[in-house]
Amino acid sequence: MKGEEEGHKIRFDERVVRFPESESAKPIEQAKLQAKELGKLLEKIFGTLKVTPVVVYPGWWVTREAREVSVQVMNDKQVIGWLPQEKRVLDDETIRKVAAFLDEKCRDVEV
């Protein structure tokens, strides 16, 4: 059982995501770039908004080895605990406007 448990663990140290058999900085780099691009896009319409990059690995146990991180790496259950702890910085109306903007902007897939 211990080997099976170890097979589902990810370690994150701010620079690299370490899987049982490999490691990669690409998810971290990609999340940072995408958050930066999203921030620039939203800034044109809403002014400066903080965009926090988040990488989620459903079904994995994720441990963080760095105290302060610029990218959040977690599993699906950790997201549920993390979101309510984050300080709310947008009012309801701004949230609705951003959601509507993103819904329109990202609607490039036909169903």
C-alpha atoms as a PDB file:
ATOM      1  CA  MET A   1       0.000   0.000   0.000  1.00  0.00           C
ATOM      2  CA  LYS A   2       2.825   2.429   0.797  1.00  0.00           C
ATOM      3  CA  GLY A   3       4.211   2.217  -2.744  1.00  0.00           C
ATOM      4  CA  GLU A   4       0.776   2.921  -4.167  1.00  0.00           C
ATOM      5  CA  GLU A   5       0.388   5.970  -1.901  1.00  0.00           C
ATOM      6  CA  GLU A   6       3.797   7.288  -2.939  1.00  0.00           C
ATOM      7  CA  GLY A   7       2.756   6.906  -6.582  1.00  0.00           C
ATOM      8  CA  HIS A   8       0.105   9.587  -6.179  1.00  0.00           C
ATOM      9  CA  LYS A   9       2.186  12.292  -4.513  1.00  0.00           C
ATOM     10  CA  ILE A  10       3.434  15.513  -6.063  1.00  0.00           C
ATOM     11  CA  ARG A  11       5.935  17.845  -4.419  1.00  0.00           C
ATOM     12  CA  PHE A  12       6.153  21.501  -5.375  1.00  0.00           C
ATOM     13  CA  ASP A  13       9.000  23.857  -4.435  1.00  0.00           C
ATOM     14  CA  GLU A  14       8.044  27.092  -6.308  1.00  0.00           C
ATOM     15  CA  ARG A  15      10.122  26.225  -9.356  1.00  0.00           C
ATOM     16  CA  VAL A  16       9.417  22.570 -10.116  1.00  0.00           C
ATOM     17  CA  VAL A  17       6.583  20.082  -9.818  1.00  0.00           C
ATOM     18  CA  ARG A  18       8.041  16.711  -8.794  1.00  0.00           C
ATOM     19  CA  PHE A  19       6.119  13.587  -9.739  1.00  0.00           C
ATOM     20  CA  PRO A  20       7.125  10.104  -8.528  1.00  0.00           C
ATOM     21  CA  GLU A  21       9.042   9.375 -11.749  1.00  0.00           C
ATOM     22  CA  SER A  22       9.789  12.825 -13.181  1.00  0.00           C
ATOM     23  CA  GLU A  23       9.805  16.566 -12.601  1.00  0.00           C
ATOM     24  CA  SER A  24       8.891  19.593 -14.658  1.00  0.00           C
ATOM     25  CA  ALA A  25       8.942  23.368 -14.431  1.00  0.00           C
ATOM     26  CA  LYS A  26       6.697  23.723 -17.487  1.00  0.00           C
ATOM     27  CA  PRO A  27       3.328  23.795 -15.630  1.00  0.00           C
ATOM     28  CA  ILE A  28       4.635  26.572 -13.371  1.00  0.00           C
ATOM     29  CA  GLU A  29       6.028  28.606 -16.247  1.00  0.00           C
ATOM     30  CA  GLN A  30       2.849  28.158 -18.285  1.00  0.00           C
ATOM     31  CA  ALA A  31       0.589  29.176 -15.379  1.00  0.00           C
ATOM     32  CA  LYS A  32       2.662  32.323 -14.762  1.00  0.00           C
ATOM     33  CA  LEU A  33       2.558  33.315 -18.438  1.00  0.00           C
ATOM     34  CA  GLN A  34      -1.171  32.692 -18.748  1.00  0.00           C
ATOM     35  CA  ALA A  35      -1.922  34.651 -15.560  1.00  0.00           C
ATOM     36  CA  LYS A  36       0.158  37.545 -16.890  1.00  0.00           C
ATOM     37  CA  GLU A  37      -1.676  37.490 -20.233  1.00  0.00           C
ATOM     38  CA  LEU A  38      -5.071  37.308 -18.524  1.00  0.00           C
ATOM     39  CA  GLY A  39      -4.100  40.203 -16.252  1.00  0.00           C
ATOM     40  CA  LYS A  40      -3.187  42.345 -19.282  1.00  0.00           C
ATOM     41  CA  LEU A  41      -6.450  41.447 -21.030  1.00  0.00           C
ATOM     42  CA  LEU A  42      -8.580  42.260 -17.985  1.00  0.00           C
ATOM     43  CA  GLU A  43      -6.646  45.468 -17.277  1.00  0.00           C
ATOM     44  CA  LYS A  44      -7.744  46.958 -20.607  1.00  0.00           C
ATOM     45  CA  ILE A  45     -11.372  46.802 -19.476  1.00  0.00           C
ATOM     46  CA  PHE A  46     -11.463  46.648 -15.686  1.00  0.00           C
ATOM     47  CA  GLY A  47      -8.222  48.256 -14.569  1.00  0.00           C
ATOM     48  CA  THR A  48      -5.548  46.372 -12.674  1.00  0.00           C
ATOM     49  CA  LEU A  49      -6.800  43.101 -11.192  1.00  0.00           C
ATOM     50  CA  LYS A  50      -4.716  40.547  -9.325  1.00  0.00           C
ATOM     51  CA  VAL A  51      -4.566  37.246 -11.202  1.00  0.00           C
ATOM     52  CA  THR A  52      -3.235  34.319  -9.198  1.00  0.00           C
ATOM     53  CA  PRO A  53      -1.926  31.406 -11.260  1.00  0.00           C
ATOM     54  CA  VAL A  54      -3.244  28.048 -10.037  1.00  0.00           C
ATOM     55  CA  VAL A  55      -2.290  24.560 -11.272  1.00  0.00           C
ATOM     56  CA  VAL A  56      -4.653  21.803 -10.142  1.00  0.00           C
ATOM     57  CA  TYR A  57      -3.892  18.068 -10.170  1.00  0.00           C
ATOM     58  CA  PRO A  58      -7.152  16.221  -9.366  1.00  0.00           C
ATOM     59  CA  GLY A  59      -6.637  12.930  -7.559  1.00  0.00           C
ATOM     60  CA  TRP A  60      -3.034  13.631  -6.524  1.00  0.00           C
ATOM     61  CA  TRP A  61      -1.700  14.422  -3.076  1.00  0.00           C
ATOM     62  CA  VAL A  62       0.185  17.719  -3.438  1.00  0.00           C
ATOM     63  CA  THR A  63       2.686  18.995  -0.887  1.00  0.00           C
ATOM     64  CA  ARG A  64       4.339  22.391  -1.009  1.00  0.00           C
ATOM     65  CA  GLU A  65       7.994  22.604   0.013  1.00  0.00           C
ATOM     66  CA  ALA A  66       8.266  26.404  -0.197  1.00  0.00           C
ATOM     67  CA  ARG A  67       6.612  28.739   2.268  1.00  0.00           C
ATOM     68  CA  GLU A  68       5.831  31.578  -0.152  1.00  0.00           C
ATOM     69  CA  VAL A  69       4.846  30.774  -3.732  1.00  0.00           C
ATOM     70  CA  SER A  70       3.791  32.844  -6.728  1.00  0.00           C
ATOM     71  CA  VAL A  71       1.887  29.919  -8.276  1.00  0.00           C
ATOM     72  CA  GLN A  72      -0.569  27.820  -6.313  1.00  0.00           C
ATOM     73  CA  VAL A  73      -0.205  24.083  -6.998  1.00  0.00           C
ATOM     74  CA  MET A  74      -2.830  21.890  -5.381  1.00  0.00           C
ATOM     75  CA  ASN A  75      -5.332  19.120  -5.831  1.00  0.00           C
ATOM     76  CA  ASP A  76      -9.075  19.543  -6.280  1.00  0.00           C
ATOM     77  CA  LYS A  77      -9.824  19.163  -2.563  1.00  0.00           C
ATOM     78  CA  GLN A  78      -7.163  21.700  -1.609  1.00  0.00           C
ATOM     79  CA  VAL A  79      -8.750  24.270  -3.951  1.00  0.00           C
ATOM     80  CA  ILE A  80     -12.001  23.994  -2.004  1.00  0.00           C
ATOM     81  CA  GLY A  81     -10.151  24.838   1.228  1.00  0.00           C
ATOM     82  CA  TRP A  82      -7.928  27.515  -0.313  1.00  0.00           C
ATOM     83  CA  LEU A  83     -10.522  29.677  -2.072  1.00  0.00           C
ATOM     84  CA  PRO A  84     -12.472  30.747   1.046  1.00  0.00           C
ATOM     85  CA  GLN A  85      -9.200  31.754   2.751  1.00  0.00           C
ATOM     86  CA  GLU A  86      -8.244  34.160  -0.019  1.00  0.00           C
ATOM     87  CA  LYS A  87      -9.057  37.789   0.649  1.00  0.00           C
ATOM     88  CA  ARG A  88     -11.958  38.951  -1.484  1.00  0.00           C
ATOM     89  CA  VAL A  89     -10.881  41.958  -3.542  1.00  0.00           C
ATOM     90  CA  LEU A  90     -13.729  42.327  -6.054  1.00  0.00           C
ATOM     91  CA  ASP A  91     -17.315  43.332  -5.434  1.00  0.00           C
ATOM     92  CA  ASP A  92     -20.223  41.250  -6.765  1.00  0.00           C
ATOM     93  CA  GLU A  93     -20.854  43.533  -9.741  1.00  0.00           C
ATOM     94  CA  THR A  94     -17.229  43.429 -10.903  1.00  0.00           C
ATOM     95  CA  ILE A  95     -17.208  39.639 -10.531  1.00  0.00           C
ATOM     96  CA  ARG A  96     -20.340  39.409 -12.729  1.00  0.00           C
ATOM     97  CA  LYS A  97     -18.781  41.700 -15.352  1.00  0.00           C
ATOM     98  CA  VAL A  98     -15.494  39.775 -15.429  1.00  0.00           C
ATOM     99  CA  ALA A  99     -17.357  36.436 -15.618  1.00  0.00           C
ATOM    100  CA  ALA A 100     -19.533  37.694 -18.504  1.00  0.00           C
ATOM    101  CA  PHE A 101     -16.465  39.059 -20.312  1.00  0.00           C
ATOM    102  CA  LEU A 102     -14.576  35.780 -19.934  1.00  0.00           C
ATOM    103  CA  ASP A 103     -17.630  33.761 -20.951  1.00  0.00           C
ATOM    104  CA  GLU A 104     -17.912  35.781 -24.155  1.00  0.00           C
ATOM    105  CA  LYS A 105     -14.160  35.822 -24.822  1.00  0.00           C
ATOM    106  CA  CYS A 106     -13.727  32.083 -24.271  1.00  0.00           C
ATOM    107  CA  ARG A 107     -16.796  30.958 -26.182  1.00  0.00           C
ATOM    108  CA  ASP A 108     -14.908  29.591 -29.170  1.00  0.00           C
ATOM    109  CA  VAL A 109     -16.026  25.988 -28.835  1.00  0.00           C
ATOM    110  CA  GLU A 110     -19.255  24.920 -30.480  1.00  0.00           C
ATOM    111  CA  VAL A 111     -21.433  22.485 -28.587  1.00  0.00           C
END
